[in-house]
Amino acid sequence: MKQIKVLGPGCPKCKTTYTNVMEALKQSGIEADVTKVEDIEEMMKYNVLTTPVLMIDENIKIKGRVAQVNEIIELLG
């Protein structure tokens, strides 16, 4: 099962990215463990300065912008 993390302090872009991840999973039928990381200290462990960040299986895929649903589906494929 894929591991997906959305890193962000809870800003609107971060919330939209999380919503888009859930929608992408629904549309694609892919099962994944989704975690929302809002703790600043936890985010610093990944050495990211811009949010939101979309991580799949511990690899940063998109950072600093909202990930679109179709983009997420492609990354999961």
PDB file of N, CA and C in Angstrom:
ATOM      1  N   MET A   1       0.847  -1.189   0.000  1.00  0.00           N
ATOM      2  CA  MET A   1       0.000   0.000   0.000  1.00  0.00           C
ATOM      3  C   MET A   1       0.889   1.248   0.000  1.00  0.00           C
ATOM      4  N   LYS A   2       0.517   2.217  -0.798  1.00  0.00           N
ATOM      5  CA  LYS A   2       1.284   3.456  -0.899  1.00  0.00           C
ATOM      6  C   LYS A   2       1.113   4.283   0.376  1.00  0.00           C
ATOM      7  N   GLN A   3       2.168   5.009   0.714  1.00  0.00           N
ATOM      8  CA  GLN A   3       2.151   5.934   1.842  1.00  0.00           C
ATOM      9  C   GLN A   3       2.159   7.349   1.278  1.00  0.00           C
ATOM     10  N   ILE A   4       1.151   8.125   1.608  1.00  0.00           N
ATOM     11  CA  ILE A   4       1.075   9.506   1.123  1.00  0.00           C
ATOM     12  C   ILE A   4       1.074  10.439   2.322  1.00  0.00           C
ATOM     13  N   LYS A   5       1.887  11.496   2.223  1.00  0.00           N
ATOM     14  CA  LYS A   5       1.904  12.518   3.270  1.00  0.00           C
ATOM     15  C   LYS A   5       1.686  13.875   2.626  1.00  0.00           C
ATOM     16  N   VAL A   6       0.854  14.683   3.274  1.00  0.00           N
ATOM     17  CA  VAL A   6       0.669  16.073   2.874  1.00  0.00           C
ATOM     18  C   VAL A   6       1.236  16.915   4.016  1.00  0.00           C
ATOM     19  N   LEU A   7       2.307  17.629   3.713  1.00  0.00           N
ATOM     20  CA  LEU A   7       2.952  18.470   4.720  1.00  0.00           C
ATOM     21  C   LEU A   7       2.501  19.911   4.538  1.00  0.00           C
ATOM     22  N   GLY A   8       2.061  20.518   5.630  1.00  0.00           N
ATOM     23  CA  GLY A   8       1.648  21.909   5.581  1.00  0.00           C
ATOM     24  C   GLY A   8       1.022  22.303   6.900  1.00  0.00           C
ATOM     25  N   PRO A   9       1.108  23.582   7.258  1.00  0.00           N
ATOM     26  CA  PRO A   9       0.635  24.038   8.560  1.00  0.00           C
ATOM     27  C   PRO A   9      -0.882  24.188   8.683  1.00  0.00           C
ATOM     28  N   GLY A  10      -1.620  23.794   7.670  1.00  0.00           N
ATOM     29  CA  GLY A  10      -3.073  23.915   7.736  1.00  0.00           C
ATOM     30  C   GLY A  10      -3.610  25.099   6.958  1.00  0.00           C
ATOM     31  N   CYS A  11      -2.799  25.634   6.061  1.00  0.00           N
ATOM     32  CA  CYS A  11      -3.227  26.767   5.230  1.00  0.00           C
ATOM     33  C   CYS A  11      -4.226  26.282   4.167  1.00  0.00           C
ATOM     34  N   PRO A  12      -4.951  27.180   3.516  1.00  0.00           N
ATOM     35  CA  PRO A  12      -5.919  26.766   2.487  1.00  0.00           C
ATOM     36  C   PRO A  12      -5.303  25.898   1.382  1.00  0.00           C
ATOM     37  N   LYS A  13      -4.082  26.219   0.936  1.00  0.00           N
ATOM     38  CA  LYS A  13      -3.446  25.413  -0.119  1.00  0.00           C
ATOM     39  C   LYS A  13      -3.167  23.992   0.374  1.00  0.00           C
ATOM     40  N   CYS A  14      -2.795  23.879   1.634  1.00  0.00           N
ATOM     41  CA  CYS A  14      -2.502  22.572   2.214  1.00  0.00           C
ATOM     42  C   CYS A  14      -3.783  21.740   2.316  1.00  0.00           C
ATOM     43  N   LYS A  15      -4.851  22.396   2.738  1.00  0.00           N
ATOM     44  CA  LYS A  15      -6.137  21.703   2.852  1.00  0.00           C
ATOM     45  C   LYS A  15      -6.636  21.266   1.479  1.00  0.00           C
ATOM     46  N   THR A  16      -6.453  22.112   0.476  1.00  0.00           N
ATOM     47  CA  THR A  16      -6.871  21.772  -0.887  1.00  0.00           C
ATOM     48  C   THR A  16      -6.063  20.591  -1.408  1.00  0.00           C
ATOM     49  N   THR A  17      -4.764  20.582  -1.139  1.00  0.00           N
ATOM     50  CA  THR A  17      -3.922  19.464  -1.572  1.00  0.00           C
ATOM     51  C   THR A  17      -4.410  18.169  -0.939  1.00  0.00           C
ATOM     52  N   TYR A  18      -4.717  18.205   0.355  1.00  0.00           N
ATOM     53  CA  TYR A  18      -5.210  17.014   1.050  1.00  0.00           C
ATOM     54  C   TYR A  18      -6.531  16.543   0.435  1.00  0.00           C
ATOM     55  N   THR A  19      -7.432  17.480   0.174  1.00  0.00           N
ATOM     56  CA  THR A  19      -8.717  17.148  -0.443  1.00  0.00           C
ATOM     57  C   THR A  19      -8.505  16.531  -1.823  1.00  0.00           C
ATOM     58  N   ASN A  20      -7.559  17.093  -2.587  1.00  0.00           N
ATOM     59  CA  ASN A  20      -7.271  16.571  -3.927  1.00  0.00           C
ATOM     60  C   ASN A  20      -6.689  15.163  -3.863  1.00  0.00           C
ATOM     61  N   VAL A  21      -5.866  14.888  -2.858  1.00  0.00           N
ATOM     62  CA  VAL A  21      -5.322  13.535  -2.679  1.00  0.00           C
ATOM     63  C   VAL A  21      -6.452  12.546  -2.446  1.00  0.00           C
ATOM     64  N   MET A  22      -7.373  12.911  -1.568  1.00  0.00           N
ATOM     65  CA  MET A  22      -8.492  12.014  -1.265  1.00  0.00           C
ATOM     66  C   MET A  22      -9.359  11.784  -2.509  1.00  0.00           C
ATOM     67  N   GLU A  23      -9.583  12.828  -3.289  1.00  0.00           N
ATOM     68  CA  GLU A  23     -10.363  12.719  -4.513  1.00  0.00           C
ATOM     69  C   GLU A  23      -9.642  11.843  -5.541  1.00  0.00           C
ATOM     70  N   ALA A  24      -8.338  12.006  -5.661  1.00  0.00           N
ATOM     71  CA  ALA A  24      -7.543  11.204  -6.605  1.00  0.00           C
ATOM     72  C   ALA A  24      -7.621   9.721  -6.242  1.00  0.00           C
ATOM     73  N   LEU A  25      -7.550   9.429  -4.970  1.00  0.00           N
ATOM     74  CA  LEU A  25      -7.653   8.033  -4.524  1.00  0.00           C
ATOM     75  C   LEU A  25      -9.029   7.472  -4.833  1.00  0.00           C
ATOM     76  N   LYS A  26     -10.041   8.280  -4.606  1.00  0.00           N
ATOM     77  CA  LYS A  26     -11.417   7.855  -4.878  1.00  0.00           C
ATOM     78  C   LYS A  26     -11.611   7.563  -6.369  1.00  0.00           C
ATOM     79  N   GLN A  27     -11.132   8.483  -7.220  1.00  0.00           N
ATOM     80  CA  GLN A  27     -11.301   8.337  -8.664  1.00  0.00           C
ATOM     81  C   GLN A  27     -10.507   7.166  -9.229  1.00  0.00           C
ATOM     82  N   SER A  28      -9.320   6.929  -8.686  1.00  0.00           N
ATOM     83  CA  SER A  28      -8.435   5.902  -9.244  1.00  0.00           C
ATOM     84  C   SER A  28      -8.668   4.523  -8.637  1.00  0.00           C
ATOM     85  N   GLY A  29      -9.309   4.480  -7.486  1.00  0.00           N
ATOM     86  CA  GLY A  29      -9.535   3.201  -6.823  1.00  0.00           C
ATOM     87  C   GLY A  29      -8.290   2.667  -6.128  1.00  0.00           C
ATOM     88  N   ILE A  30      -7.249   3.483  -6.043  1.00  0.00           N
ATOM     89  CA  ILE A  30      -6.001   3.079  -5.387  1.00  0.00           C
ATOM     90  C   ILE A  30      -6.161   3.251  -3.880  1.00  0.00           C
ATOM     91  N   GLU A  31      -5.658   2.264  -3.137  1.00  0.00           N
ATOM     92  CA  GLU A  31      -5.685   2.369  -1.681  1.00  0.00           C
ATOM     93  C   GLU A  31      -4.347   2.911  -1.205  1.00  0.00           C
ATOM     94  N   ALA A  32      -4.402   3.809  -0.247  1.00  0.00           N
ATOM     95  CA  ALA A  32      -3.175   4.382   0.294  1.00  0.00           C
ATOM     96  C   ALA A  32      -3.411   4.813   1.731  1.00  0.00           C
ATOM     97  N   ASP A  33      -2.330   4.871   2.464  1.00  0.00           N
ATOM     98  CA  ASP A  33      -2.350   5.376   3.830  1.00  0.00           C
ATOM     99  C   ASP A  33      -1.999   6.857   3.752  1.00  0.00           C
ATOM    100  N   VAL A  34      -2.963   7.734   4.047  1.00  0.00           N
ATOM    101  CA  VAL A  34      -2.757   9.175   3.903  1.00  0.00           C
ATOM    102  C   VAL A  34      -2.565   9.809   5.278  1.00  0.00           C
ATOM    103  N   THR A  35      -1.487  10.579   5.397  1.00  0.00           N
ATOM    104  CA  THR A  35      -1.179  11.269   6.646  1.00  0.00           C
ATOM    105  C   THR A  35      -1.058  12.760   6.364  1.00  0.00           C
ATOM    106  N   LYS A  36      -1.666  13.552   7.237  1.00  0.00           N
ATOM    107  CA  LYS A  36      -1.552  15.007   7.131  1.00  0.00           C
ATOM    108  C   LYS A  36      -0.592  15.464   8.225  1.00  0.00           C
ATOM    109  N   VAL A  37       0.523  16.061   7.817  1.00  0.00           N
ATOM    110  CA  VAL A  37       1.547  16.493   8.780  1.00  0.00           C
ATOM    111  C   VAL A  37       1.466  18.017   8.913  1.00  0.00           C
ATOM    112  N   GLU A  38       1.019  18.468  10.093  1.00  0.00           N
ATOM    113  CA  GLU A  38       0.870  19.905  10.323  1.00  0.00           C
ATOM    114  C   GLU A  38       1.871  20.429  11.354  1.00  0.00           C
ATOM    115  N   ASP A  39       2.568  19.536  12.019  1.00  0.00           N
ATOM    116  CA  ASP A  39       3.530  19.927  13.047  1.00  0.00           C
ATOM    117  C   ASP A  39       4.808  20.457  12.399  1.00  0.00           C
ATOM    118  N   ILE A  40       5.174  21.681  12.749  1.00  0.00           N
ATOM    119  CA  ILE A  40       6.340  22.345  12.140  1.00  0.00           C
ATOM    120  C   ILE A  40       7.625  21.539  12.351  1.00  0.00           C
ATOM    121  N   GLU A  41       7.819  21.026  13.570  1.00  0.00           N
ATOM    122  CA  GLU A  41       9.035  20.258  13.850  1.00  0.00           C
ATOM    123  C   GLU A  41       9.098  18.992  13.000  1.00  0.00           C
ATOM    124  N   GLU A  42       7.961  18.336  12.823  1.00  0.00           N
ATOM    125  CA  GLU A  42       7.902  17.135  11.987  1.00  0.00           C
ATOM    126  C   GLU A  42       8.223  17.484  10.535  1.00  0.00           C
ATOM    127  N   MET A  43       7.682  18.612  10.054  1.00  0.00           N
ATOM    128  CA  MET A  43       7.931  19.040   8.673  1.00  0.00           C
ATOM    129  C   MET A  43       9.411  19.358   8.465  1.00  0.00           C
ATOM    130  N   MET A  44      10.056  19.933   9.484  1.00  0.00           N
ATOM    131  CA  MET A  44      11.465  20.303   9.367  1.00  0.00           C
ATOM    132  C   MET A  44      12.358  19.078   9.165  1.00  0.00           C
ATOM    133  N   LYS A  45      11.911  17.915   9.618  1.00  0.00           N
ATOM    134  CA  LYS A  45      12.678  16.677   9.426  1.00  0.00           C
ATOM    135  C   LYS A  45      12.852  16.361   7.939  1.00  0.00           C
ATOM    136  N   TYR A  46      11.921  16.840   7.136  1.00  0.00           N
ATOM    137  CA  TYR A  46      11.979  16.583   5.692  1.00  0.00           C
ATOM    138  C   TYR A  46      12.710  17.686   4.932  1.00  0.00           C
ATOM    139  N   ASN A  47      13.193  18.688   5.669  1.00  0.00           N
ATOM    140  CA  ASN A  47      13.993  19.760   5.081  1.00  0.00           C
ATOM    141  C   ASN A  47      13.257  20.500   3.954  1.00  0.00           C
ATOM    142  N   VAL A  48      11.995  20.826   4.185  1.00  0.00           N
ATOM    143  CA  VAL A  48      11.227  21.580   3.195  1.00  0.00           C
ATOM    144  C   VAL A  48      10.937  22.973   3.736  1.00  0.00           C
ATOM    145  N   LEU A  49      11.015  23.952   2.862  1.00  0.00           N
ATOM    146  CA  LEU A  49      10.790  25.339   3.263  1.00  0.00           C
ATOM    147  C   LEU A  49       9.482  25.887   2.724  1.00  0.00           C
ATOM    148  N   THR A  50       8.980  25.296   1.647  1.00  0.00           N
ATOM    149  CA  THR A  50       7.734  25.777   1.065  1.00  0.00           C
ATOM    150  C   THR A  50       6.677  24.689   1.164  1.00  0.00           C
ATOM    151  N   THR A  51       5.463  25.104   1.502  1.00  0.00           N
ATOM    152  CA  THR A  51       4.354  24.152   1.590  1.00  0.00           C
ATOM    153  C   THR A  51       3.260  24.593   0.633  1.00  0.00           C
ATOM    154  N   PRO A  52       2.356  23.743   0.282  1.00  0.00           N
ATOM    155  CA  PRO A  52       2.231  22.358   0.711  1.00  0.00           C
ATOM    156  C   PRO A  52       3.236  21.444   0.007  1.00  0.00           C
ATOM    157  N   VAL A  53       3.461  20.291   0.625  1.00  0.00           N
ATOM    158  CA  VAL A  53       4.338  19.275   0.051  1.00  0.00           C
ATOM    159  C   VAL A  53       3.553  17.985  -0.058  1.00  0.00           C
ATOM    160  N   LEU A  54       3.634  17.352  -1.219  1.00  0.00           N
ATOM    161  CA  LEU A  54       3.019  16.048  -1.430  1.00  0.00           C
ATOM    162  C   LEU A  54       4.139  15.015  -1.493  1.00  0.00           C
ATOM    163  N   MET A  55       4.087  14.056  -0.566  1.00  0.00           N
ATOM    164  CA  MET A  55       5.078  12.980  -0.553  1.00  0.00           C
ATOM    165  C   MET A  55       4.384  11.658  -0.821  1.00  0.00           C
ATOM    166  N   ILE A  56       5.000  10.854  -1.659  1.00  0.00           N
ATOM    167  CA  ILE A  56       4.491   9.510  -1.923  1.00  0.00           C
ATOM    168  C   ILE A  56       5.630   8.549  -1.630  1.00  0.00           C
ATOM    169  N   ASP A  57       5.380   7.603  -0.729  1.00  0.00           N
ATOM    170  CA  ASP A  57       6.391   6.623  -0.314  1.00  0.00           C
ATOM    171  C   ASP A  57       7.703   7.306   0.083  1.00  0.00           C
ATOM    172  N   GLU A  58       7.580   8.358   0.906  1.00  0.00           N
ATOM    173  CA  GLU A  58       8.724   9.100   1.453  1.00  0.00           C
ATOM    174  C   GLU A  58       9.527   9.889   0.415  1.00  0.00           C
ATOM    175  N   ASN A  59       9.017  10.033  -0.801  1.00  0.00           N
ATOM    176  CA  ASN A  59       9.678  10.845  -1.825  1.00  0.00           C
ATOM    177  C   ASN A  59       8.855  12.096  -2.077  1.00  0.00           C
ATOM    178  N   ILE A  60       9.510  13.266  -2.072  1.00  0.00           N
ATOM    179  CA  ILE A  60       8.806  14.513  -2.355  1.00  0.00           C
ATOM    180  C   ILE A  60       8.482  14.556  -3.843  1.00  0.00           C
ATOM    181  N   LYS A  61       7.200  14.695  -4.157  1.00  0.00           N
ATOM    182  CA  LYS A  61       6.758  14.730  -5.549  1.00  0.00           C
ATOM    183  C   LYS A  61       6.415  16.151  -5.993  1.00  0.00           C
ATOM    184  N   ILE A  62       5.731  16.896  -5.124  1.00  0.00           N
ATOM    185  CA  ILE A  62       5.323  18.263  -5.453  1.00  0.00           C
ATOM    186  C   ILE A  62       5.492  19.113  -4.204  1.00  0.00           C
ATOM    187  N   LYS A  63       6.097  20.306  -4.368  1.00  0.00           N
ATOM    188  CA  LYS A  63       6.176  21.204  -3.213  1.00  0.00           C
ATOM    189  C   LYS A  63       5.953  22.639  -3.645  1.00  0.00           C
ATOM    190  N   GLY A  64       5.357  23.401  -2.741  1.00  0.00           N
ATOM    191  CA  GLY A  64       5.165  24.824  -2.967  1.00  0.00           C
ATOM    192  C   GLY A  64       3.940  25.192  -3.777  1.00  0.00           C
ATOM    193  N   ARG A  65       3.142  24.191  -4.146  1.00  0.00           N
ATOM    194  CA  ARG A  65       1.913  24.494  -4.887  1.00  0.00           C
ATOM    195  C   ARG A  65       0.896  23.375  -4.657  1.00  0.00           C
ATOM    196  N   VAL A  66      -0.338  23.663  -5.004  1.00  0.00           N
ATOM    197  CA  VAL A  66      -1.410  22.680  -4.851  1.00  0.00           C
ATOM    198  C   VAL A  66      -1.271  21.615  -5.941  1.00  0.00           C
ATOM    199  N   ALA A  67      -1.291  20.374  -5.528  1.00  0.00           N
ATOM    200  CA  ALA A  67      -1.251  19.255  -6.473  1.00  0.00           C
ATOM    201  C   ALA A  67      -2.662  19.019  -7.008  1.00  0.00           C
ATOM    202  N   GLN A  68      -2.795  18.982  -8.326  1.00  0.00           N
ATOM    203  CA  GLN A  68      -4.103  18.771  -8.947  1.00  0.00           C
ATOM    204  C   GLN A  68      -4.463  17.279  -8.944  1.00  0.00           C
ATOM    205  N   VAL A  69      -5.766  16.989  -8.961  1.00  0.00           N
ATOM    206  CA  VAL A  69      -6.249  15.614  -8.867  1.00  0.00           C
ATOM    207  C   VAL A  69      -5.637  14.728  -9.958  1.00  0.00           C
ATOM    208  N   ASN A  70      -5.683  15.191 -11.228  1.00  0.00           N
ATOM    209  CA  ASN A  70      -5.163  14.357 -12.321  1.00  0.00           C
ATOM    210  C   ASN A  70      -3.655  14.134 -12.201  1.00  0.00           C
ATOM    211  N   GLU A  71      -2.942  15.122 -11.665  1.00  0.00           N
ATOM    212  CA  GLU A  71      -1.500  15.003 -11.425  1.00  0.00           C
ATOM    213  C   GLU A  71      -1.211  13.917 -10.390  1.00  0.00           C
ATOM    214  N   ILE A  72      -1.992  13.919  -9.327  1.00  0.00           N
ATOM    215  CA  ILE A  72      -1.812  12.954  -8.252  1.00  0.00           C
ATOM    216  C   ILE A  72      -2.088  11.535  -8.763  1.00  0.00           C
ATOM    217  N   ILE A  73      -3.133  11.382  -9.562  1.00  0.00           N
ATOM    218  CA  ILE A  73      -3.447  10.079 -10.140  1.00  0.00           C
ATOM    219  C   ILE A  73      -2.269   9.573 -10.973  1.00  0.00           C
ATOM    220  N   GLU A  74      -1.678  10.452 -11.779  1.00  0.00           N
ATOM    221  CA  GLU A  74      -0.516  10.069 -12.587  1.00  0.00           C
ATOM    222  C   GLU A  74       0.657   9.655 -11.705  1.00  0.00           C
ATOM    223  N   LEU A  75       0.916  10.403 -10.640  1.00  0.00           N
ATOM    224  CA  LEU A  75       2.031  10.084  -9.741  1.00  0.00           C
ATOM    225  C   LEU A  75       1.823   8.738  -9.028  1.00  0.00           C
ATOM    226  N   LEU A  76       0.571   8.396  -8.785  1.00  0.00           N
ATOM    227  CA  LEU A  76       0.261   7.142  -8.102  1.00  0.00           C
ATOM    228  C   LEU A  76       0.326   5.944  -9.047  1.00  0.00           C
ATOM    229  N   GLY A  77       0.162   6.214 -10.354  1.00  0.00           N
ATOM    230  CA  GLY A  77       0.060   5.150 -11.342  1.00  0.00           C
ATOM    231  C   GLY A  77       1.241   4.359 -11.564  1.00  0.00           C
TER     232      GLY A  77
END
